[in-house]
Protein backbone atom coordinates (compact mmCIF):
# COMPACT_ATOMS: atom_id res chain seq x y z
CA MET A 1 0.21 0.08 0.26
CA GLY A 2 2.69 2.53 -1.10
CA ASN A 3 2.30 5.97 -2.42
CA ASP A 4 4.51 4.73 -5.73
CA SER A 5 0.74 3.10 -6.99
CA GLU A 6 -0.58 6.35 -7.62
CA SER A 7 0.77 7.08 -11.43
CA GLU A 8 1.71 3.55 -12.28
CA SER A 9 -0.06 0.68 -14.09
CA ASP A 10 -0.44 -2.35 -11.91
CA GLU A 11 -1.92 -5.96 -12.55
CA ILE A 12 -5.09 -6.58 -11.11
CA CYS A 13 -7.29 -9.10 -11.19
CA CYS A 14 -10.69 -7.81 -11.13
CA GLY A 15 -14.21 -9.47 -12.19
CA ILE A 16 -15.09 -13.16 -12.24
CA SER A 17 -13.46 -15.81 -13.74
CA MET A 18 -10.93 -13.25 -15.96
CA GLY A 19 -7.77 -13.58 -14.99
CA CYS A 20 -5.30 -10.25 -14.56
CA ILE A 21 -5.65 -7.83 -17.48
CA LYS A 22 -3.29 -4.22 -17.27
CA ILE A 23 -5.17 -1.51 -15.53
CA HIS A 24 -4.19 1.57 -14.03
CA THR A 25 -4.84 1.56 -10.34
CA LEU A 26 -7.91 2.94 -9.21
CA PRO A 27 -8.51 4.66 -5.84
CA CYS A 28 -9.56 2.53 -3.03
CA MET A 29 -9.13 -0.89 -4.68
CA PRO A 30 -6.93 -3.50 -2.28
CA GLN A 31 -3.81 -4.33 -4.32
CA VAL A 32 -2.80 -7.77 -3.53
CA PRO A 33 -2.54 -11.23 -5.95
CA ALA A 34 -5.13 -12.41 -7.44
CA SER A 35 -6.81 -16.12 -7.29
CA GLU A 36 -9.70 -17.63 -8.70
CA ALA A 37 -13.49 -16.56 -9.19
CA ASP A 38 -17.23 -16.53 -8.38
CA GLY A 39 -20.37 -18.57 -9.70
CA THR A 40 -23.62 -16.72 -10.42
CA SER A 41 -26.75 -17.48 -9.57
CA GLU A 42 -29.89 -19.02 -11.49
CA ASP A 43 -33.87 -18.78 -10.70
CA GLU A 44 -33.92 -19.71 -7.20
CA ARG A 45 -31.14 -17.12 -5.51
CA ILE A 46 -29.59 -18.03 -2.62
CA ILE A 47 -30.34 -14.75 -1.44
CA ASP A 48 -32.58 -12.59 -3.14
CA PRO A 49 -32.09 -9.08 -3.16
CA ASN A 50 -35.33 -8.39 -2.55
CA ASP A 51 -35.99 -10.09 0.74
CA GLN A 52 -33.21 -8.01 2.94
CA PRO A 53 -30.03 -6.42 2.89
CA TYR A 54 -27.52 -8.94 3.57
CA GLY A 55 -29.20 -10.34 6.22
CA MET A 56 -28.28 -9.06 9.39
CA MET A 57 -25.12 -7.09 9.26
CA GLY A 58 -23.87 -8.79 6.13
CA VAL A 59 -24.95 -12.71 7.33
CA VAL A 60 -26.91 -14.47 4.89
CA ASN A 61 -30.21 -15.65 6.30
CA PRO A 62 -29.93 -19.03 6.81
CA ALA A 63 -34.11 -19.51 5.76
CA LEU A 64 -33.01 -18.41 2.08
CA SER A 65 -30.14 -20.91 1.79
CA ARG A 66 -32.42 -24.11 2.77
CA PRO A 67 -34.38 -25.49 -0.12
CA LYS A 68 -37.89 -24.44 -0.05
CA ASN A 69 -39.45 -27.79 -1.36
CA SER A 70 -39.76 -29.77 1.77
CA LYS A 71 -40.92 -32.98 -0.38
CA SER A 72 -37.76 -32.25 -2.45
CA LYS A 73 -34.74 -32.31 0.04
CA LYS A 74 -32.63 -35.31 -1.10
CA PRO A 75 -30.87 -34.65 -4.43
CA THR A 76 -31.66 -36.37 -7.56
CA PRO A 77 -28.45 -38.58 -8.28
CA GLN A 78 -28.22 -36.39 -11.33
CA GLN A 79 -27.77 -32.87 -9.38
CA ALA A 80 -24.93 -34.78 -7.21
CA LYS A 81 -23.47 -35.94 -10.27
CA LYS A 82 -23.14 -32.56 -11.32
CA TRP A 83 -22.12 -31.02 -7.82
CA GLN A 84 -19.34 -33.53 -8.23
CA GLU A 85 -18.04 -31.99 -11.52
CA SER A 86 -17.01 -28.33 -10.19
CA ILE A 87 -18.12 -25.83 -7.07
CA GLU A 88 -19.46 -23.74 -9.69
CA ASN A 89 -22.12 -26.22 -10.09
CA VAL A 90 -22.76 -26.30 -6.41
CA LEU A 91 -22.51 -22.80 -6.06
CA ASN A 92 -25.35 -21.85 -9.35
CA ASP A 93 -27.35 -24.45 -7.73
CA PRO A 94 -29.68 -23.34 -5.07
CA LYS A 95 -30.19 -26.91 -3.50
CA GLY A 96 -26.32 -27.56 -3.75
CA CYS A 97 -25.60 -24.48 -2.13
CA ALA A 98 -27.46 -25.55 0.82
CA PHE A 99 -26.46 -28.43 1.31
CA PHE A 100 -22.34 -27.14 1.08
CA HIS A 101 -23.26 -24.50 3.49
CA LYS A 102 -25.05 -27.28 6.02
CA PHE A 103 -21.55 -29.28 5.52
CA LEU A 104 -19.51 -25.94 5.85
CA GLN A 105 -21.43 -25.18 9.30
CA ASN A 106 -20.99 -28.99 10.18
CA GLU A 107 -16.60 -27.81 9.59
CA PHE A 108 -17.47 -24.58 11.52
CA ALA A 109 -16.60 -22.74 8.18
CA ALA A 110 -19.55 -21.87 6.90
CA GLU A 111 -18.97 -17.83 7.67
CA ASN A 112 -16.88 -18.65 4.24
CA LEU A 113 -20.02 -19.33 2.29
CA ASP A 114 -22.02 -16.33 4.03
CA PHE A 115 -19.27 -13.88 3.19
CA TRP A 116 -18.54 -15.30 -0.16
CA ASN A 117 -23.00 -14.31 -0.37
CA SER A 118 -22.59 -11.37 0.50
CA VAL A 119 -20.40 -10.21 -1.44
CA LYS A 120 -22.16 -11.77 -4.43
CA GLU A 121 -25.66 -9.59 -3.70
CA LEU A 122 -23.53 -6.58 -2.98
CA LYS A 123 -22.73 -6.45 -6.53
CA ASN A 124 -26.36 -8.14 -7.27
CA LYS A 125 -27.28 -4.33 -5.96
CA ASN A 126 -24.59 -2.32 -7.28
CA PRO A 127 -25.61 0.52 -4.75
CA SER A 128 -23.31 3.78 -4.83
CA GLY A 129 -22.91 6.43 -2.84
CA ASP A 130 -23.79 6.82 0.96
CA ARG A 131 -25.82 2.74 0.48
CA LEU A 132 -22.74 1.46 -0.90
CA LYS A 133 -20.57 3.52 2.22
CA LYS A 134 -22.87 1.62 4.48
CA ASP A 135 -23.24 -1.84 3.09
CA VAL A 136 -19.65 -2.40 2.70
CA LYS A 137 -19.00 -1.55 6.78
CA GLN A 138 -21.81 -4.04 7.31
CA ILE A 139 -19.86 -6.67 5.36
CA TYR A 140 -16.46 -5.54 7.10
CA GLU A 141 -18.00 -5.63 10.55
CA GLN A 142 -19.35 -9.06 10.26
CA TYR A 143 -16.39 -10.77 8.60
CA LEU A 144 -12.68 -8.93 8.72
CA ARG A 145 -12.75 -6.42 12.04
CA ASP A 146 -10.49 -7.99 14.27
CA ASN A 147 -12.92 -10.64 16.78
CA ALA A 148 -15.52 -10.06 14.43
CA GLU A 149 -18.34 -12.38 15.03
CA ASN A 150 -17.91 -14.30 11.63
CA LEU A 151 -14.79 -13.58 11.10
CA ILE A 152 -13.29 -15.24 7.47
CA ASN A 153 -9.40 -15.93 7.49
CA VAL A 154 -7.57 -13.74 5.24
CA ASN A 155 -3.98 -12.07 6.11
CA ASN A 156 -3.57 -8.97 7.39
CA ARG A 157 -1.97 -7.06 4.67
CA LEU A 158 -5.75 -7.90 3.05
CA LYS A 159 -7.78 -6.87 5.71
CA GLY A 160 -6.11 -3.25 5.92
CA ALA A 161 -5.73 -2.70 2.40
CA ILE A 162 -9.79 -3.24 2.48
CA ASN A 163 -9.76 -0.71 6.47
CA GLU A 164 -8.13 1.85 4.42
CA CYS A 165 -10.95 2.04 1.98
CA LEU A 166 -13.35 2.18 4.01
CA GLU A 167 -14.57 5.59 4.04
CA ASP A 168 -14.35 5.86 0.06
CA PRO A 169 -15.03 2.10 -0.90
CA ARG A 170 -15.71 0.80 -4.14
CA LEU A 171 -17.88 -2.03 -5.20
CA GLU A 172 -14.67 -4.21 -5.81
CA ILE A 173 -13.68 -3.57 -2.62
CA PHE A 174 -14.27 -7.38 -1.29
CA ASP A 175 -13.03 -8.68 -4.94
CA GLU A 176 -10.11 -10.16 -3.38
CA ALA A 177 -11.50 -11.55 -0.20
CA GLN A 178 -13.77 -13.03 -2.30
CA ARG A 179 -11.45 -14.78 -4.69
CA HIS A 180 -9.74 -15.86 -1.23
CA VAL A 181 -12.45 -17.64 0.49
CA TYR A 182 -13.55 -18.90 -2.52
CA GLY A 183 -10.63 -20.73 -3.36
CA LEU A 184 -10.60 -21.63 0.52
CA MET A 185 -13.80 -23.78 -0.20
CA LYS A 186 -12.41 -25.07 -3.47
CA ASP A 187 -9.34 -26.44 -2.31
CA GLY A 188 -10.81 -27.75 1.25
CA ALA A 189 -14.42 -28.27 2.23
CA TYR A 190 -15.24 -28.78 -1.24
CA LYS A 191 -13.20 -31.79 -2.16
CA ARG A 192 -14.63 -33.39 1.11
CA PHE A 193 -18.12 -32.77 0.03
CA ILE A 194 -18.22 -34.37 -3.08
CA THR A 195 -16.83 -37.67 -1.92
CA GLU A 196 -18.55 -40.52 -3.27
CA SER A 197 -19.52 -41.67 0.59
CA HIS A 198 -21.30 -38.18 1.60
CA ILE A 199 -22.76 -37.71 -1.59
CA GLN A 200 -24.36 -40.76 -1.47
CA THR A 201 -25.69 -40.16 1.82
CA LEU A 202 -27.20 -37.28 0.62
CA ILE A 203 -28.91 -39.21 -2.42
CA LYS A 204 -30.30 -41.21 0.25
CA GLY A 205 -31.70 -38.47 2.44
CA HIS A 206 -29.40 -38.28 5.55
CA SER A 207 -28.09 -34.84 6.75
CA CYS A 208 -24.93 -34.52 6.93
CA ASN A 209 -24.79 -34.94 10.70
CA SER A 210 -25.45 -37.93 10.17
């Protein structure tokens, strides 16, 4: 976060699944190495932007993360097979995301998906001005400040960069933190979630606690 970045062109990974491009450094965007991507939901969103803003202080409303049809709680074998193909297929499927959230709760890591969804919702709503500033601070307070209730595992350099931008945030302020937790989920919990033994318990209708 030095002053020499003001007039130089830096390599910044901005946007989802786009990789790194050369752009001029924008004010208040944390400058840190980038990783990977995001997914987008379809008809039944994990969070409906019209239901409420970011849950309570940026937390995903658990009621919006559960399958709505109680008669179809079990995934079909076809659904489960898709989930095993990629984490994007899990995150893009409301039922898959709900089962993955429950799995993460059992691993005491649900805050990663909650944060990822909160940032996704922020981008979907695309607020500006005072509303953007308020929403960014809510997400920061919930997931990034020291001793936050749902603290995610990001390094101090990134947390400091985000903190410096809170008074004049950009919509992309959480991009690198979102990519970071995506990588944590993809390389860790997701691999355990899609093991054949666990997928079979879901298809048979057993909960993650069984």
